[in-house]
Amino acid sequence: MTDWFVRNAREMEWTENAMGAYCLLAADQFAINLNVLPKDAPMALYHFEPHQEGFLVLRGEATLRVGDETRALRAWDYVHLDPDVPHVITGASDEPALVLAVGSRVGGGRATYPEDPDPKAAYAAFGEQRVVESPL
């Protein structure tokens, strides 16, 4: 096992469906991924996780929903979420948003979807992920 590595996001595998394009950069002690979000496309279903999460908008505009509050996000806005904070980020402009997401994976646990009793079926409505060229 290697204890370090360098990866270029443009050369890594990207997948895409109606939610946009996605690239998983790392997923061991913490997960790091890039998300390209077209207008009105959510990064995920409204959910919360048992770990803290962070999101950095690198390009474009997005909308953050936390509970009953909605907040516009633009390039270089950073969002910090403590564990168990329900949220979703959605693309908000004609230019797709590029969002870097980071979340801890220490201690196990999975996402909880308070508004959808069957998240597997809800995600299926966006279509299967297919491998695509890097959108970067």
C-alpha atoms as a PDB file:
ATOM      1  CA  MET A   1       0.000   0.000   0.000  1.00  0.00           C
ATOM      2  CA  THR A   2       1.241   3.495  -0.873  1.00  0.00           C
ATOM      3  CA  ASP A   3       1.194   6.109   1.870  1.00  0.00           C
ATOM      4  CA  TRP A   4       1.023   9.033  -0.568  1.00  0.00           C
ATOM      5  CA  PHE A   5      -0.021   9.796  -4.127  1.00  0.00           C
ATOM      6  CA  VAL A   6      -0.633  12.558  -6.642  1.00  0.00           C
ATOM      7  CA  ARG A   7      -3.701  12.558  -8.876  1.00  0.00           C
ATOM      8  CA  ASN A   8      -4.813  14.994 -11.543  1.00  0.00           C
ATOM      9  CA  ALA A   9      -8.593  15.464 -11.547  1.00  0.00           C
ATOM     10  CA  ARG A  10      -8.627  15.981 -15.330  1.00  0.00           C
ATOM     11  CA  GLU A  11      -7.112  12.511 -15.802  1.00  0.00           C
ATOM     12  CA  MET A  12      -9.261  10.635 -13.291  1.00  0.00           C
ATOM     13  CA  GLU A  13     -12.508   8.805 -13.942  1.00  0.00           C
ATOM     14  CA  TRP A  14     -15.580  11.027 -14.085  1.00  0.00           C
ATOM     15  CA  THR A  15     -19.161   9.828 -14.117  1.00  0.00           C
ATOM     16  CA  GLU A  16     -22.295  11.715 -15.038  1.00  0.00           C
ATOM     17  CA  ASN A  17     -26.084  11.527 -14.867  1.00  0.00           C
ATOM     18  CA  ALA A  18     -28.887  14.109 -14.591  1.00  0.00           C
ATOM     19  CA  MET A  19     -27.353  15.334 -11.307  1.00  0.00           C
ATOM     20  CA  GLY A  20     -24.206  16.440 -13.137  1.00  0.00           C
ATOM     21  CA  ALA A  21     -20.647  15.129 -13.283  1.00  0.00           C
ATOM     22  CA  TYR A  22     -18.741  13.621 -10.354  1.00  0.00           C
ATOM     23  CA  CYS A  23     -15.130  12.627  -9.634  1.00  0.00           C
ATOM     24  CA  LEU A  24     -14.062  10.826  -6.438  1.00  0.00           C
ATOM     25  CA  LEU A  25     -10.535  11.960  -5.556  1.00  0.00           C
ATOM     26  CA  ALA A  26     -10.109  10.059  -2.283  1.00  0.00           C
ATOM     27  CA  ALA A  27     -12.312   7.957  -0.001  1.00  0.00           C
ATOM     28  CA  ASP A  28     -10.382   6.491   2.923  1.00  0.00           C
ATOM     29  CA  GLN A  29     -10.342   8.412   6.240  1.00  0.00           C
ATOM     30  CA  PHE A  30     -12.135  11.227   4.484  1.00  0.00           C
ATOM     31  CA  ALA A  31     -13.816  11.596   1.120  1.00  0.00           C
ATOM     32  CA  ILE A  32     -12.900  14.302  -1.373  1.00  0.00           C
ATOM     33  CA  ASN A  33     -14.833  14.744  -4.580  1.00  0.00           C
ATOM     34  CA  LEU A  34     -15.543  17.261  -7.299  1.00  0.00           C
ATOM     35  CA  ASN A  35     -19.065  17.932  -8.519  1.00  0.00           C
ATOM     36  CA  VAL A  36     -20.083  19.804 -11.660  1.00  0.00           C
ATOM     37  CA  LEU A  37     -23.684  20.941 -11.126  1.00  0.00           C
ATOM     38  CA  PRO A  38     -25.839  22.196 -13.999  1.00  0.00           C
ATOM     39  CA  LYS A  39     -28.581  24.710 -13.167  1.00  0.00           C
ATOM     40  CA  ASP A  40     -31.194  23.170 -10.815  1.00  0.00           C
ATOM     41  CA  ALA A  41     -29.249  19.879 -10.464  1.00  0.00           C
ATOM     42  CA  PRO A  42     -28.717  18.788  -6.840  1.00  0.00           C
ATOM     43  CA  MET A  43     -25.391  17.407  -5.671  1.00  0.00           C
ATOM     44  CA  ALA A  44     -27.340  14.799  -3.679  1.00  0.00           C
ATOM     45  CA  LEU A  45     -30.776  14.329  -2.198  1.00  0.00           C
ATOM     46  CA  TYR A  46     -31.535  16.434   0.872  1.00  0.00           C
ATOM     47  CA  HIS A  47     -29.724  14.504   3.619  1.00  0.00           C
ATOM     48  CA  PHE A  48     -27.500  14.574   6.689  1.00  0.00           C
ATOM     49  CA  GLU A  49     -24.464  12.523   7.634  1.00  0.00           C
ATOM     50  CA  PRO A  50     -22.914  11.480  10.956  1.00  0.00           C
ATOM     51  CA  HIS A  51     -19.684  13.291   9.970  1.00  0.00           C
ATOM     52  CA  GLN A  52     -18.716  16.889   9.454  1.00  0.00           C
ATOM     53  CA  GLU A  53     -18.602  18.050   5.847  1.00  0.00           C
ATOM     54  CA  GLY A  54     -17.190  20.988   3.926  1.00  0.00           C
ATOM     55  CA  PHE A  55     -17.943  22.394   0.471  1.00  0.00           C
ATOM     56  CA  LEU A  56     -15.989  24.975  -1.528  1.00  0.00           C
ATOM     57  CA  VAL A  57     -17.553  26.512  -4.616  1.00  0.00           C
ATOM     58  CA  LEU A  58     -14.691  26.803  -7.094  1.00  0.00           C
ATOM     59  CA  ARG A  59     -16.658  28.128 -10.068  1.00  0.00           C
ATOM     60  CA  GLY A  60     -20.180  29.316 -10.874  1.00  0.00           C
ATOM     61  CA  GLU A  61     -23.108  29.719  -8.505  1.00  0.00           C
ATOM     62  CA  ALA A  62     -25.036  27.296  -6.320  1.00  0.00           C
ATOM     63  CA  THR A  63     -27.789  27.304  -3.736  1.00  0.00           C
ATOM     64  CA  LEU A  64     -27.424  25.822  -0.255  1.00  0.00           C
ATOM     65  CA  ARG A  65     -30.471  24.629   1.649  1.00  0.00           C
ATOM     66  CA  VAL A  66     -30.049  23.905   5.357  1.00  0.00           C
ATOM     67  CA  GLY A  67     -33.310  23.168   7.147  1.00  0.00           C
ATOM     68  CA  ASP A  68     -35.736  25.947   6.190  1.00  0.00           C
ATOM     69  CA  GLU A  69     -32.956  28.375   5.227  1.00  0.00           C
ATOM     70  CA  THR A  70     -31.691  28.904   1.664  1.00  0.00           C
ATOM     71  CA  ARG A  71     -28.459  30.708   0.828  1.00  0.00           C
ATOM     72  CA  ALA A  72     -26.923  31.724  -2.487  1.00  0.00           C
ATOM     73  CA  LEU A  73     -23.322  30.596  -2.973  1.00  0.00           C
ATOM     74  CA  ARG A  74     -20.749  31.936  -5.416  1.00  0.00           C
ATOM     75  CA  ALA A  75     -17.160  31.127  -6.318  1.00  0.00           C
ATOM     76  CA  TRP A  76     -14.887  30.817  -3.263  1.00  0.00           C
ATOM     77  CA  ASP A  77     -17.736  30.512  -0.756  1.00  0.00           C
ATOM     78  CA  TYR A  78     -17.002  27.763   1.768  1.00  0.00           C
ATOM     79  CA  VAL A  79     -19.739  25.866   3.623  1.00  0.00           C
ATOM     80  CA  HIS A  80     -18.988  24.021   6.883  1.00  0.00           C
ATOM     81  CA  LEU A  81     -21.537  21.543   8.260  1.00  0.00           C
ATOM     82  CA  ASP A  82     -21.314  19.834  11.629  1.00  0.00           C
ATOM     83  CA  PRO A  83     -22.523  16.217  11.830  1.00  0.00           C
ATOM     84  CA  ASP A  84     -26.262  15.618  11.424  1.00  0.00           C
ATOM     85  CA  VAL A  85     -27.068  18.935   9.700  1.00  0.00           C
ATOM     86  CA  PRO A  86     -29.628  18.346   6.902  1.00  0.00           C
ATOM     87  CA  HIS A  87     -28.572  20.005   3.645  1.00  0.00           C
ATOM     88  CA  VAL A  88     -28.398  19.988  -0.144  1.00  0.00           C
ATOM     89  CA  ILE A  89     -26.427  22.051  -2.678  1.00  0.00           C
ATOM     90  CA  THR A  90     -27.929  22.717  -6.110  1.00  0.00           C
ATOM     91  CA  GLY A  91     -26.514  24.350  -9.250  1.00  0.00           C
ATOM     92  CA  ALA A  92     -27.938  27.869  -9.643  1.00  0.00           C
ATOM     93  CA  SER A  93     -26.653  29.440 -12.860  1.00  0.00           C
ATOM     94  CA  ASP A  94     -26.362  28.786 -16.572  1.00  0.00           C
ATOM     95  CA  GLU A  95     -22.645  28.127 -16.063  1.00  0.00           C
ATOM     96  CA  PRO A  96     -22.351  24.802 -14.206  1.00  0.00           C
ATOM     97  CA  ALA A  97     -21.047  25.165 -10.649  1.00  0.00           C
ATOM     98  CA  LEU A  98     -17.848  23.339  -9.705  1.00  0.00           C
ATOM     99  CA  VAL A  99     -17.952  22.301  -6.041  1.00  0.00           C
ATOM    100  CA  LEU A 100     -15.227  20.573  -4.015  1.00  0.00           C
ATOM    101  CA  ALA A 101     -16.716  18.390  -1.254  1.00  0.00           C
ATOM    102  CA  VAL A 102     -14.843  16.969   1.747  1.00  0.00           C
ATOM    103  CA  GLY A 103     -16.265  14.754   4.473  1.00  0.00           C
ATOM    104  CA  SER A 104     -14.909  12.596   7.258  1.00  0.00           C
ATOM    105  CA  ARG A 105     -15.445   8.845   7.072  1.00  0.00           C
ATOM    106  CA  VAL A 106     -14.003   7.985  10.500  1.00  0.00           C
ATOM    107  CA  GLY A 107     -16.404   6.052  12.711  1.00  0.00           C
ATOM    108  CA  GLY A 108     -18.676   4.649  10.015  1.00  0.00           C
ATOM    109  CA  GLY A 109     -22.285   5.578   9.508  1.00  0.00           C
ATOM    110  CA  ARG A 110     -24.290   6.505   6.437  1.00  0.00           C
ATOM    111  CA  ALA A 111     -26.347   9.379   5.127  1.00  0.00           C
ATOM    112  CA  THR A 112     -29.936   9.775   6.326  1.00  0.00           C
ATOM    113  CA  TYR A 113     -32.628  11.154   4.005  1.00  0.00           C
ATOM    114  CA  PRO A 114     -35.338  12.837   6.124  1.00  0.00           C
ATOM    115  CA  GLU A 115     -37.564  13.745   3.153  1.00  0.00           C
ATOM    116  CA  ASP A 116     -37.380  10.538   1.153  1.00  0.00           C
ATOM    117  CA  PRO A 117     -38.286   7.120   2.565  1.00  0.00           C
ATOM    118  CA  ASP A 118     -36.676   5.353  -0.429  1.00  0.00           C
ATOM    119  CA  PRO A 119     -33.501   7.234  -1.457  1.00  0.00           C
ATOM    120  CA  LYS A 120     -32.381   4.389  -3.742  1.00  0.00           C
ATOM    121  CA  ALA A 121     -35.499   4.863  -5.896  1.00  0.00           C
ATOM    122  CA  ALA A 122     -35.159   8.657  -5.755  1.00  0.00           C
ATOM    123  CA  TYR A 123     -31.534   8.516  -6.957  1.00  0.00           C
ATOM    124  CA  ALA A 124     -32.546   6.069  -9.718  1.00  0.00           C
ATOM    125  CA  ALA A 125     -34.797   8.784 -11.172  1.00  0.00           C
ATOM    126  CA  PHE A 126     -31.632  10.720 -12.117  1.00  0.00           C
ATOM    127  CA  GLY A 127     -30.381   7.836 -14.281  1.00  0.00           C
ATOM    128  CA  GLU A 128     -27.380   5.577 -13.965  1.00  0.00           C
ATOM    129  CA  GLN A 129     -23.912   7.013 -13.684  1.00  0.00           C
ATOM    130  CA  ARG A 130     -21.954   6.638 -16.920  1.00  0.00           C
ATOM    131  CA  VAL A 131     -18.247   7.246 -17.450  1.00  0.00           C
ATOM    132  CA  VAL A 132     -17.541  10.515 -19.317  1.00  0.00           C
ATOM    133  CA  GLU A 133     -14.592  12.684 -20.302  1.00  0.00           C
ATOM    134  CA  SER A 134     -13.454  15.154 -17.651  1.00  0.00           C
ATOM    135  CA  PRO A 135     -15.555  18.329 -17.779  1.00  0.00           C
ATOM    136  CA  LEU A 136     -12.590  20.373 -16.471  1.00  0.00           C
END
